[in-house]
């Protein structure tokens, strides 16, 4: 007999993935701003948009 995943386990997996995605995107935005900030404010904005 095959075992089925519990809904609570799937909920934990989904919330963990969503948390990791939010943290990764915010870090990418910050790294883009920091990388392009020495070039000027206009380039810092482009760095934020490209998520270097």
N, C-alpha and C. Protein backbone atom coordinates (compact mmCIF):
# COMPACT_ATOMS: atom_id res chain seq x y z
N UNK A 1 0.85 -1.18 0.00
CA UNK A 1 0.00 0.00 0.00
C UNK A 1 0.90 1.25 0.00
N UNK A 2 0.64 2.16 -0.89
CA UNK A 2 1.43 3.39 -0.99
C UNK A 2 1.01 4.37 0.10
N UNK A 3 1.99 5.06 0.61
CA UNK A 3 1.67 6.08 1.61
C UNK A 3 1.51 7.42 0.92
N UNK A 4 0.58 8.21 1.39
CA UNK A 4 0.31 9.52 0.81
C UNK A 4 0.85 10.59 1.75
N UNK A 5 1.37 11.66 1.19
CA UNK A 5 1.87 12.73 2.06
C UNK A 5 0.71 13.40 2.80
N UNK A 6 1.01 13.81 3.98
CA UNK A 6 -0.01 14.50 4.76
C UNK A 6 -0.12 15.94 4.28
N UNK A 7 -1.31 16.50 4.39
CA UNK A 7 -1.52 17.88 3.97
C UNK A 7 -0.70 18.85 4.79
N UNK A 8 -0.51 18.55 6.07
CA UNK A 8 0.28 19.45 6.91
C UNK A 8 1.74 19.47 6.46
N UNK A 9 2.25 18.34 6.01
CA UNK A 9 3.63 18.29 5.51
C UNK A 9 3.75 19.11 4.22
N UNK A 10 2.75 19.02 3.36
CA UNK A 10 2.78 19.81 2.13
C UNK A 10 2.68 21.31 2.43
N UNK A 11 1.91 21.65 3.43
CA UNK A 11 1.82 23.05 3.83
C UNK A 11 3.15 23.56 4.35
N UNK A 12 3.85 22.75 5.12
CA UNK A 12 5.18 23.14 5.62
C UNK A 12 6.17 23.29 4.47
N UNK A 13 6.12 22.39 3.50
CA UNK A 13 7.01 22.49 2.35
C UNK A 13 6.74 23.76 1.55
N UNK A 14 5.47 24.07 1.35
CA UNK A 14 5.11 25.27 0.60
C UNK A 14 5.54 26.54 1.33
N UNK A 15 5.30 26.59 2.63
CA UNK A 15 5.68 27.79 3.38
C UNK A 15 7.19 27.94 3.45
N UNK A 16 7.92 26.84 3.53
CA UNK A 16 9.38 26.91 3.52
C UNK A 16 9.92 27.39 2.19
N UNK A 17 9.35 26.92 1.10
CA UNK A 17 9.76 27.38 -0.22
C UNK A 17 9.44 28.84 -0.45
N UNK A 18 8.29 29.27 0.00
CA UNK A 18 7.90 30.68 -0.15
C UNK A 18 8.82 31.59 0.68
N UNK A 19 9.16 31.16 1.87
CA UNK A 19 10.07 31.94 2.71
C UNK A 19 11.44 32.06 2.06
N UNK A 20 11.95 30.96 1.54
CA UNK A 20 13.26 30.98 0.88
C UNK A 20 13.24 31.88 -0.35
N UNK A 21 12.14 31.87 -1.11
CA UNK A 21 12.05 32.71 -2.29
C UNK A 21 12.03 34.19 -1.93
N UNK A 22 11.30 34.55 -0.90
CA UNK A 22 11.23 35.95 -0.48
C UNK A 22 12.59 36.45 -0.01
N UNK A 23 13.28 35.62 0.76
CA UNK A 23 14.60 36.01 1.25
C UNK A 23 15.59 36.11 0.10
N UNK A 24 15.57 35.17 -0.82
CA UNK A 24 16.50 35.20 -1.95
C UNK A 24 16.26 36.41 -2.85
N UNK A 25 15.02 36.76 -3.09
CA UNK A 25 14.73 37.92 -3.94
C UNK A 25 15.15 39.22 -3.27
N UNK A 26 14.93 39.32 -1.97
CA UNK A 26 15.34 40.56 -1.29
C UNK A 26 16.86 40.69 -1.24
N UNK A 27 17.57 39.57 -1.07
CA UNK A 27 19.03 39.62 -1.09
C UNK A 27 19.54 39.98 -2.48
N UNK A 28 18.92 39.45 -3.52
CA UNK A 28 19.34 39.77 -4.88
C UNK A 28 19.13 41.25 -5.17
N UNK A 29 18.04 41.81 -4.70
CA UNK A 29 17.79 43.24 -4.88
C UNK A 29 18.85 44.06 -4.17
N UNK A 30 19.18 43.69 -2.95
CA UNK A 30 20.19 44.43 -2.18
C UNK A 30 21.56 44.33 -2.84
N UNK A 31 21.92 43.15 -3.33
CA UNK A 31 23.22 42.99 -3.99
C UNK A 31 23.28 43.80 -5.28
N UNK A 32 22.18 43.89 -6.00
CA UNK A 32 22.15 44.70 -7.21
C UNK A 32 22.34 46.17 -6.92
N UNK A 33 21.73 46.65 -5.86
CA UNK A 33 21.89 48.06 -5.48
C UNK A 33 23.33 48.33 -5.05
N UNK A 34 23.89 47.45 -4.23
CA UNK A 34 25.25 47.64 -3.74
C UNK A 34 26.27 47.56 -4.88
N UNK A 35 26.05 46.68 -5.84
CA UNK A 35 27.01 46.52 -6.94
C UNK A 35 27.03 47.74 -7.85
N UNK A 36 25.89 48.36 -8.08
CA UNK A 36 25.81 49.48 -9.02
C UNK A 36 25.80 50.85 -8.35
N UNK A 37 25.75 50.92 -7.04
CA UNK A 37 25.69 52.19 -6.33
C UNK A 37 26.89 53.09 -6.61
N UNK A 38 28.12 52.58 -6.72
CA UNK A 38 29.24 53.49 -7.00
C UNK A 38 29.15 54.18 -8.35
N UNK A 39 28.36 53.67 -9.25
CA UNK A 39 28.22 54.28 -10.58
C UNK A 39 27.25 55.46 -10.59
N UNK A 40 26.44 55.59 -9.56
CA UNK A 40 25.50 56.70 -9.47
C UNK A 40 24.10 56.22 -9.17
N UNK A 41 23.21 57.16 -8.81
CA UNK A 41 21.85 56.78 -8.42
C UNK A 41 21.05 56.11 -9.55
N UNK A 42 21.24 56.56 -10.77
CA UNK A 42 20.48 55.96 -11.88
C UNK A 42 20.90 54.51 -12.09
N UNK A 43 22.19 54.23 -11.94
CA UNK A 43 22.66 52.86 -12.11
C UNK A 43 22.26 51.98 -10.94
N UNK A 44 22.18 52.56 -9.75
CA UNK A 44 21.71 51.78 -8.59
C UNK A 44 20.28 51.33 -8.81
N UNK A 45 19.46 52.18 -9.40
CA UNK A 45 18.08 51.79 -9.69
C UNK A 45 18.04 50.66 -10.72
N UNK A 46 18.91 50.73 -11.71
CA UNK A 46 18.96 49.63 -12.70
C UNK A 46 19.45 48.34 -12.06
N UNK A 47 20.38 48.44 -11.13
CA UNK A 47 20.83 47.25 -10.41
C UNK A 47 19.72 46.63 -9.59
N UNK A 48 18.89 47.46 -9.01
CA UNK A 48 17.76 46.95 -8.23
C UNK A 48 16.74 46.25 -9.13
N UNK A 49 16.56 46.79 -10.31
CA UNK A 49 15.58 46.19 -11.24
C UNK A 49 16.08 44.89 -11.85
N UNK A 50 17.39 44.76 -12.05
CA UNK A 50 17.90 43.56 -12.68
C UNK A 50 18.18 42.44 -11.69
N UNK A 51 18.21 42.72 -10.40
CA UNK A 51 18.47 41.71 -9.36
C UNK A 51 19.76 40.97 -9.63
N UNK A 52 20.83 41.73 -9.79
CA UNK A 52 22.14 41.11 -10.04
C UNK A 52 22.41 40.18 -8.90
